[in-house]
């Protein structure tokens, strides 16, 4: 990874629009943690049912709401 700082302001087209990922155009989704599993995984409740995601990057607990992108919890959400 380069030690050089990113240019400011960011180059045109490099910023997110607030709703979608700039890399893949996917949205992050709010889900509720149902069970914590081994190896940083968790079962979560989504609008479509139960899914398994990684919570390795966030300090998630059962009952927490987390923001998930591409199967990875990227933030806990304060309600």
PDB file of N, CA and C in Angstrom:
ATOM      1  N   UNK A   1       0.848  -1.169   0.000  1.00  0.00           N
ATOM      2  CA  UNK A   1       0.000   0.000   0.000  1.00  0.00           C
ATOM      3  C   UNK A   1       0.892   1.230   0.000  1.00  0.00           C
ATOM      4  N   UNK A   2       0.544   2.217  -0.786  1.00  0.00           N
ATOM      5  CA  UNK A   2       1.322   3.439  -0.894  1.00  0.00           C
ATOM      6  C   UNK A   2       1.227   4.265   0.377  1.00  0.00           C
ATOM      7  N   UNK A   3       2.328   4.881   0.746  1.00  0.00           N
ATOM      8  CA  UNK A   3       2.353   5.769   1.905  1.00  0.00           C
ATOM      9  C   UNK A   3       1.920   7.176   1.517  1.00  0.00           C
ATOM     10  N   UNK A   4       1.777   7.438   0.224  1.00  0.00           N
ATOM     11  CA  UNK A   4       1.412   8.773  -0.242  1.00  0.00           C
ATOM     12  C   UNK A   4      -0.043   9.061   0.071  1.00  0.00           C
ATOM     13  N   UNK A   5      -0.345  10.273   0.541  1.00  0.00           N
ATOM     14  CA  UNK A   5      -1.741  10.625   0.827  1.00  0.00           C
ATOM     15  C   UNK A   5      -2.550  10.738  -0.455  1.00  0.00           C
ATOM     16  N   UNK A   6      -3.840  10.512  -0.318  1.00  0.00           N
ATOM     17  CA  UNK A   6      -4.721  10.700  -1.461  1.00  0.00           C
ATOM     18  C   UNK A   6      -4.811  12.183  -1.781  1.00  0.00           C
ATOM     19  N   UNK A   7      -4.992  12.529  -3.051  1.00  0.00           N
ATOM     20  CA  UNK A   7      -5.104  13.940  -3.415  1.00  0.00           C
ATOM     21  C   UNK A   7      -6.368  14.554  -2.832  1.00  0.00           C
ATOM     22  N   UNK A   8      -6.287  15.829  -2.507  1.00  0.00           N
ATOM     23  CA  UNK A   8      -7.464  16.534  -2.017  1.00  0.00           C
ATOM     24  C   UNK A   8      -7.622  17.788  -2.833  1.00  0.00           C
ATOM     25  N   UNK A   9      -8.773  18.093  -3.379  1.00  0.00           N
ATOM     26  CA  UNK A   9      -9.955  17.246  -3.286  1.00  0.00           C
ATOM     27  C   UNK A   9      -9.786  15.979  -4.107  1.00  0.00           C
ATOM     28  N   UNK A  10     -10.626  14.992  -3.810  1.00  0.00           N
ATOM     29  CA  UNK A  10     -10.561  13.706  -4.510  1.00  0.00           C
ATOM     30  C   UNK A  10     -10.816  13.909  -5.996  1.00  0.00           C
ATOM     31  N   UNK A  11     -10.202  13.079  -6.830  1.00  0.00           N
ATOM     32  CA  UNK A  11     -10.439  13.183  -8.269  1.00  0.00           C
ATOM     33  C   UNK A  11     -11.911  13.002  -8.606  1.00  0.00           C
ATOM     34  N   UNK A  12     -12.334  13.591  -9.683  1.00  0.00           N
ATOM     35  CA  UNK A  12     -13.722  13.485 -10.133  1.00  0.00           C
ATOM     36  C   UNK A  12     -14.124  12.027 -10.265  1.00  0.00           C
ATOM     37  N   UNK A  13     -15.297  11.682  -9.735  1.00  0.00           N
ATOM     38  CA  UNK A  13     -15.797  10.317  -9.838  1.00  0.00           C
ATOM     39  C   UNK A  13     -15.265   9.379  -8.771  1.00  0.00           C
ATOM     40  N   UNK A  14     -14.407   9.854  -7.862  1.00  0.00           N
ATOM     41  CA  UNK A  14     -13.813   8.982  -6.855  1.00  0.00           C
ATOM     42  C   UNK A  14     -14.570   8.979  -5.540  1.00  0.00           C
ATOM     43  N   UNK A  15     -15.587   9.795  -5.418  1.00  0.00           N
ATOM     44  CA  UNK A  15     -16.302   9.848  -4.150  1.00  0.00           C
ATOM     45  C   UNK A  15     -17.617   9.095  -4.233  1.00  0.00           C
ATOM     46  N   UNK A  16     -18.091   8.634  -3.087  1.00  0.00           N
ATOM     47  CA  UNK A  16     -19.378   7.947  -3.035  1.00  0.00           C
ATOM     48  C   UNK A  16     -20.496   8.972  -3.069  1.00  0.00           C
ATOM     49  N   UNK A  17     -21.662   8.553  -3.534  1.00  0.00           N
ATOM     50  CA  UNK A  17     -22.801   9.467  -3.568  1.00  0.00           C
ATOM     51  C   UNK A  17     -23.608   9.403  -2.280  1.00  0.00           C
ATOM     52  N   UNK A  18     -23.113   8.675  -1.284  1.00  0.00           N
ATOM     53  CA  UNK A  18     -23.803   8.576  -0.011  1.00  0.00           C
ATOM     54  C   UNK A  18     -24.736   7.383   0.084  1.00  0.00           C
ATOM     55  N   UNK A  19     -25.042   6.742  -1.015  1.00  0.00           N
ATOM     56  CA  UNK A  19     -25.957   5.608  -1.017  1.00  0.00           C
ATOM     57  C   UNK A  19     -25.314   4.324  -1.523  1.00  0.00           C
ATOM     58  N   UNK A  20     -24.285   4.415  -2.345  1.00  0.00           N
ATOM     59  CA  UNK A  20     -23.715   3.243  -2.993  1.00  0.00           C
ATOM     60  C   UNK A  20     -22.195   3.251  -2.919  1.00  0.00           C
ATOM     61  N   UNK A  21     -21.607   2.058  -2.979  1.00  0.00           N
ATOM     62  CA  UNK A  21     -20.161   1.898  -2.997  1.00  0.00           C
ATOM     63  C   UNK A  21     -19.607   2.393  -4.324  1.00  0.00           C
ATOM     64  N   UNK A  22     -18.560   3.192  -4.272  1.00  0.00           N
ATOM     65  CA  UNK A  22     -17.959   3.727  -5.488  1.00  0.00           C
ATOM     66  C   UNK A  22     -17.304   2.613  -6.311  1.00  0.00           C
ATOM     67  N   UNK A  23     -16.891   1.531  -5.670  1.00  0.00           N
ATOM     68  CA  UNK A  23     -16.212   0.452  -6.375  1.00  0.00           C
ATOM     69  C   UNK A  23     -17.174  -0.476  -7.108  1.00  0.00           C
ATOM     70  N   UNK A  24     -18.242  -0.912  -6.439  1.00  0.00           N
ATOM     71  CA  UNK A  24     -19.110  -1.929  -7.043  1.00  0.00           C
ATOM     72  C   UNK A  24     -20.557  -1.494  -7.214  1.00  0.00           C
ATOM     73  N   UNK A  25     -20.892  -0.278  -6.829  1.00  0.00           N
ATOM     74  CA  UNK A  25     -22.253   0.264  -6.937  1.00  0.00           C
ATOM     75  C   UNK A  25     -23.267  -0.469  -6.070  1.00  0.00           C
ATOM     76  N   UNK A  26     -22.794  -1.239  -5.102  1.00  0.00           N
ATOM     77  CA  UNK A  26     -23.678  -1.966  -4.203  1.00  0.00           C
ATOM     78  C   UNK A  26     -23.997  -1.099  -2.990  1.00  0.00           C
ATOM     79  N   UNK A  27     -25.093  -1.396  -2.319  1.00  0.00           N
ATOM     80  CA  UNK A  27     -25.490  -0.669  -1.117  1.00  0.00           C
ATOM     81  C   UNK A  27     -25.083  -1.432   0.135  1.00  0.00           C
ATOM     82  N   UNK A  28     -24.828  -0.700   1.205  1.00  0.00           N
ATOM     83  CA  UNK A  28     -24.664  -1.323   2.514  1.00  0.00           C
ATOM     84  C   UNK A  28     -26.063  -1.501   3.103  1.00  0.00           C
ATOM     85  N   UNK A  29     -26.256  -2.574   3.872  1.00  0.00           N
ATOM     86  CA  UNK A  29     -27.573  -2.925   4.394  1.00  0.00           C
ATOM     87  C   UNK A  29     -27.497  -3.047   5.914  1.00  0.00           C
ATOM     88  N   UNK A  30     -28.530  -2.545   6.604  1.00  0.00           N
ATOM     89  CA  UNK A  30     -28.632  -2.688   8.061  1.00  0.00           C
ATOM     90  C   UNK A  30     -29.224  -4.047   8.384  1.00  0.00           C
ATOM     91  N   UNK A  31     -28.563  -4.789   9.287  1.00  0.00           N
ATOM     92  CA  UNK A  31     -29.039  -6.101   9.723  1.00  0.00           C
ATOM     93  C   UNK A  31     -28.861  -6.208  11.236  1.00  0.00           C
ATOM     94  N   UNK A  32     -29.535  -7.189  11.835  1.00  0.00           N
ATOM     95  CA  UNK A  32     -29.436  -7.416  13.277  1.00  0.00           C
ATOM     96  C   UNK A  32     -28.704  -8.725  13.544  1.00  0.00           C
ATOM     97  N   UNK A  33     -27.718  -8.685  14.432  1.00  0.00           N
ATOM     98  CA  UNK A  33     -26.930  -9.870  14.773  1.00  0.00           C
ATOM     99  C   UNK A  33     -27.774 -10.804  15.635  1.00  0.00           C
ATOM    100  N   UNK A  34     -27.927 -12.051  15.175  1.00  0.00           N
ATOM    101  CA  UNK A  34     -28.676 -13.071  15.911  1.00  0.00           C
ATOM    102  C   UNK A  34     -27.768 -13.969  16.738  1.00  0.00           C
ATOM    103  N   UNK A  35     -26.628 -14.390  16.147  1.00  0.00           N
ATOM    104  CA  UNK A  35     -25.692 -15.313  16.790  1.00  0.00           C
ATOM    105  C   UNK A  35     -24.277 -14.983  16.354  1.00  0.00           C
ATOM    106  N   UNK A  36     -23.349 -15.001  17.307  1.00  0.00           N
ATOM    107  CA  UNK A  36     -21.936 -14.894  16.975  1.00  0.00           C
ATOM    108  C   UNK A  36     -21.375 -16.302  16.838  1.00  0.00           C
ATOM    109  N   UNK A  37     -20.582 -16.527  15.804  1.00  0.00           N
ATOM    110  CA  UNK A  37     -20.020 -17.836  15.503  1.00  0.00           C
ATOM    111  C   UNK A  37     -18.494 -17.770  15.565  1.00  0.00           C
ATOM    112  N   UNK A  38     -17.855 -18.902  15.387  1.00  0.00           N
ATOM    113  CA  UNK A  38     -16.394 -18.957  15.386  1.00  0.00           C
ATOM    114  C   UNK A  38     -15.822 -18.214  14.183  1.00  0.00           C
ATOM    115  N   UNK A  39     -14.572 -17.860  14.280  1.00  0.00           N
ATOM    116  CA  UNK A  39     -13.820 -17.247  13.182  1.00  0.00           C
ATOM    117  C   UNK A  39     -14.386 -15.919  12.706  1.00  0.00           C
ATOM    118  N   UNK A  40     -14.984 -15.138  13.606  1.00  0.00           N
ATOM    119  CA  UNK A  40     -15.455 -13.805  13.242  1.00  0.00           C
ATOM    120  C   UNK A  40     -16.687 -13.781  12.363  1.00  0.00           C
ATOM    121  N   UNK A  41     -17.470 -14.829  12.398  1.00  0.00           N
ATOM    122  CA  UNK A  41     -18.688 -14.896  11.597  1.00  0.00           C
ATOM    123  C   UNK A  41     -19.907 -14.705  12.494  1.00  0.00           C
ATOM    124  N   UNK A  42     -21.042 -14.380  11.865  1.00  0.00           N
ATOM    125  CA  UNK A  42     -22.287 -14.212  12.616  1.00  0.00           C
ATOM    126  C   UNK A  42     -23.468 -14.527  11.721  1.00  0.00           C
ATOM    127  N   UNK A  43     -24.539 -15.011  12.336  1.00  0.00           N
ATOM    128  CA  UNK A  43     -25.819 -15.127  11.648  1.00  0.00           C
ATOM    129  C   UNK A  43     -26.578 -13.846  11.943  1.00  0.00           C
ATOM    130  N   UNK A  44     -27.179 -13.267  10.903  1.00  0.00           N
ATOM    131  CA  UNK A  44     -27.896 -12.005  11.050  1.00  0.00           C
ATOM    132  C   UNK A  44     -29.278 -12.104  10.429  1.00  0.00           C
ATOM    133  N   UNK A  45     -30.176 -11.261  10.907  1.00  0.00           N
ATOM    134  CA  UNK A  45     -31.525 -11.187  10.360  1.00  0.00           C
ATOM    135  C   UNK A  45     -31.563 -10.078   9.317  1.00  0.00           C
ATOM    136  N   UNK A  46     -32.021 -10.442   8.105  1.00  0.00           N
ATOM    137  CA  UNK A  46     -32.184  -9.477   7.025  1.00  0.00           C
ATOM    138  C   UNK A  46     -33.651  -9.443   6.630  1.00  0.00           C
ATOM    139  N   UNK A  47     -33.992  -8.587   5.693  1.00  0.00           N
ATOM    140  CA  UNK A  47     -35.370  -8.544   5.193  1.00  0.00           C
ATOM    141  C   UNK A  47     -35.761  -9.848   4.514  1.00  0.00           C
ATOM    142  N   UNK A  48     -34.773 -10.597   4.021  1.00  0.00           N
ATOM    143  CA  UNK A  48     -35.045 -11.834   3.289  1.00  0.00           C
ATOM    144  C   UNK A  48     -34.879 -13.092   4.134  1.00  0.00           C
ATOM    145  N   UNK A  49     -34.506 -12.948   5.407  1.00  0.00           N
ATOM    146  CA  UNK A  49     -34.302 -14.106   6.268  1.00  0.00           C
ATOM    147  C   UNK A  49     -32.949 -14.048   6.941  1.00  0.00           C
ATOM    148  N   UNK A  50     -32.446 -15.215   7.336  1.00  0.00           N
ATOM    149  CA  UNK A  50     -31.167 -15.296   8.035  1.00  0.00           C
ATOM    150  C   UNK A  50     -30.033 -15.478   7.034  1.00  0.00           C
ATOM    151  N   UNK A  51     -28.944 -14.730   7.251  1.00  0.00           N
ATOM    152  CA  UNK A  51     -27.747 -14.855   6.417  1.00  0.00           C
ATOM    153  C   UNK A  51     -26.524 -14.924   7.312  1.00  0.00           C
ATOM    154  N   UNK A  52     -25.441 -15.464   6.787  1.00  0.00           N
ATOM    155  CA  UNK A  52     -24.175 -15.532   7.515  1.00  0.00           C
ATOM    156  C   UNK A  52     -23.234 -14.482   6.931  1.00  0.00           C
ATOM    157  N   UNK A  53     -22.634 -13.682   7.819  1.00  0.00           N
ATOM    158  CA  UNK A  53     -21.719 -12.622   7.395  1.00  0.00           C
ATOM    159  C   UNK A  53     -20.464 -12.654   8.260  1.00  0.00           C
ATOM    160  N   UNK A  54     -19.470 -11.890   7.869  1.00  0.00           N
ATOM    161  CA  UNK A  54     -18.277 -11.697   8.685  1.00  0.00           C
ATOM    162  C   UNK A  54     -18.457 -10.456   9.556  1.00  0.00           C
ATOM    163  N   UNK A  55     -18.111 -10.587  10.832  1.00  0.00           N
ATOM    164  CA  UNK A  55     -18.105  -9.440  11.748  1.00  0.00           C
ATOM    165  C   UNK A  55     -16.686  -9.222  12.287  1.00  0.00           C
ATOM    166  N   UNK A  56     -15.703  -9.695  11.547  1.00  0.00           N
ATOM    167  CA  UNK A  56     -14.313  -9.629  11.995  1.00  0.00           C
ATOM    168  C   UNK A  56     -13.794  -8.198  12.127  1.00  0.00           C
ATOM    169  N   UNK A  57     -14.387  -7.251  11.417  1.00  0.00           N
ATOM    170  CA  UNK A  57     -13.883  -5.875  11.426  1.00  0.00           C
ATOM    171  C   UNK A  57     -14.558  -4.964  12.439  1.00  0.00           C
ATOM    172  N   UNK A  58     -15.634  -5.438  13.073  1.00  0.00           N
ATOM    173  CA  UNK A  58     -16.377  -4.581  14.006  1.00  0.00           C
ATOM    174  C   UNK A  58     -16.614  -5.311  15.327  1.00  0.00           C
ATOM    175  N   UNK A  59     -16.745  -4.572  16.426  1.00  0.00           N
ATOM    176  CA  UNK A  59     -17.028  -5.191  17.719  1.00  0.00           C
ATOM    177  C   UNK A  59     -18.527  -5.449  17.880  1.00  0.00           C
ATOM    178  N   UNK A  60     -19.042  -6.455  17.204  1.00  0.00           N
ATOM    179  CA  UNK A  60     -20.480  -6.737  17.211  1.00  0.00           C
ATOM    180  C   UNK A  60     -20.858  -7.673  18.348  1.00  0.00           C
ATOM    181  N   UNK A  61     -22.078  -7.498  18.839  1.00  0.00           N
ATOM    182  CA  UNK A  61     -22.643  -8.368  19.868  1.00  0.00           C
ATOM    183  C   UNK A  61     -24.049  -8.769  19.435  1.00  0.00           C
ATOM    184  N   UNK A  62     -24.559  -9.841  20.012  1.00  0.00           N
ATOM    185  CA  UNK A  62     -25.925 -10.276  19.712  1.00  0.00           C
ATOM    186  C   UNK A  62     -26.878  -9.120  20.008  1.00  0.00           C
ATOM    187  N   UNK A  63     -27.781  -8.854  19.064  1.00  0.00           N
ATOM    188  CA  UNK A  63     -28.743  -7.768  19.205  1.00  0.00           C
ATOM    189  C   UNK A  63     -28.307  -6.471  18.550  1.00  0.00           C
ATOM    190  N   UNK A  64     -27.016  -6.340  18.239  1.00  0.00           N
ATOM    191  CA  UNK A  64     -26.523  -5.125  17.584  1.00  0.00           C
ATOM    192  C   UNK A  64     -27.043  -5.022  16.158  1.00  0.00           C
ATOM    193  N   UNK A  65     -27.196  -3.795  15.706  1.00  0.00           N
ATOM    194  CA  UNK A  65     -27.463  -3.529  14.297  1.00  0.00           C
ATOM    195  C   UNK A  65     -26.133  -3.166  13.663  1.00  0.00           C
ATOM    196  N   UNK A  66     -25.807  -3.846  12.569  1.00  0.00           N
ATOM    197  CA  UNK A  66     -24.562  -3.567  11.861  1.00  0.00           C
ATOM    198  C   UNK A  66     -24.870  -3.229  10.413  1.00  0.00           C
ATOM    199  N   UNK A  67     -23.970  -2.483   9.815  1.00  0.00           N
ATOM    200  CA  UNK A  67     -24.059  -2.126   8.411  1.00  0.00           C
ATOM    201  C   UNK A  67     -23.196  -3.112   7.648  1.00  0.00           C
ATOM    202  N   UNK A  68     -23.781  -3.814   6.661  1.00  0.00           N
ATOM    203  CA  UNK A  68     -23.090  -4.881   5.943  1.00  0.00           C
ATOM    204  C   UNK A  68     -22.944  -4.517   4.476  1.00  0.00           C
ATOM    205  N   UNK A  69     -21.734  -4.735   3.966  1.00  0.00           N
ATOM    206  CA  UNK A  69     -21.461  -4.541   2.540  1.00  0.00           C
ATOM    207  C   UNK A  69     -20.666  -5.738   2.053  1.00  0.00           C
ATOM    208  N   UNK A  70     -21.140  -6.380   1.012  1.00  0.00           N
ATOM    209  CA  UNK A  70     -20.454  -7.520   0.399  1.00  0.00           C
ATOM    210  C   UNK A  70     -20.152  -8.626   1.412  1.00  0.00           C
ATOM    211  N   UNK A  71     -21.103  -8.867   2.326  1.00  0.00           N
ATOM    212  CA  UNK A  71     -20.948  -9.952   3.289  1.00  0.00           C
ATOM    213  C   UNK A  71     -20.058  -9.637   4.473  1.00  0.00           C
ATOM    214  N   UNK A  72     -19.639  -8.389   4.610  1.00  0.00           N
ATOM    215  CA  UNK A  72     -18.752  -7.964   5.694  1.00  0.00           C
ATOM    216  C   UNK A  72     -19.399  -6.835   6.481  1.00  0.00           C
ATOM    217  N   UNK A  73     -19.505  -6.994   7.807  1.00  0.00           N
ATOM    218  CA  UNK A  73     -19.987  -5.893   8.642  1.00  0.00           C
ATOM    219  C   UNK A  73     -18.915  -4.812   8.634  1.00  0.00           C
ATOM    220  N   UNK A  74     -19.315  -3.583   8.294  1.00  0.00           N
ATOM    221  CA  UNK A  74     -18.341  -2.498   8.189  1.00  0.00           C
ATOM    222  C   UNK A  74     -18.513  -1.446   9.277  1.00  0.00           C
ATOM    223  N   UNK A  75     -19.617  -1.524  10.037  1.00  0.00           N
ATOM    224  CA  UNK A  75     -19.844  -0.565  11.121  1.00  0.00           C
ATOM    225  C   UNK A  75     -20.981  -1.054  11.994  1.00  0.00           C
ATOM    226  N   UNK A  76     -20.937  -0.676  13.266  1.00  0.00           N
ATOM    227  CA  UNK A  76     -22.100  -0.879  14.120  1.00  0.00           C
ATOM    228  C   UNK A  76     -22.920   0.399  14.055  1.00  0.00           C
ATOM    229  N   UNK A  77     -24.236   0.255  14.179  1.00  0.00           N
ATOM    230  CA  UNK A  77     -25.143   1.389  14.035  1.00  0.00           C
ATOM    231  C   UNK A  77     -25.758   1.699  15.387  1.00  0.00           C
ATOM    232  N   UNK A  78     -25.605   2.930  15.825  1.00  0.00           N
ATOM    233  CA  UNK A  78     -26.248   3.387  17.058  1.00  0.00           C
ATOM    234  C   UNK A  78     -27.696   3.699  16.736  1.00  0.00           C
ATOM    235  N   UNK A  79     -28.619   3.166  17.532  1.00  0.00           N
ATOM    236  CA  UNK A  79     -30.036   3.407  17.247  1.00  0.00           C
ATOM    237  C   UNK A  79     -30.614   4.413  18.189  1.00  0.00           C
TER     238      UNK A  79
END
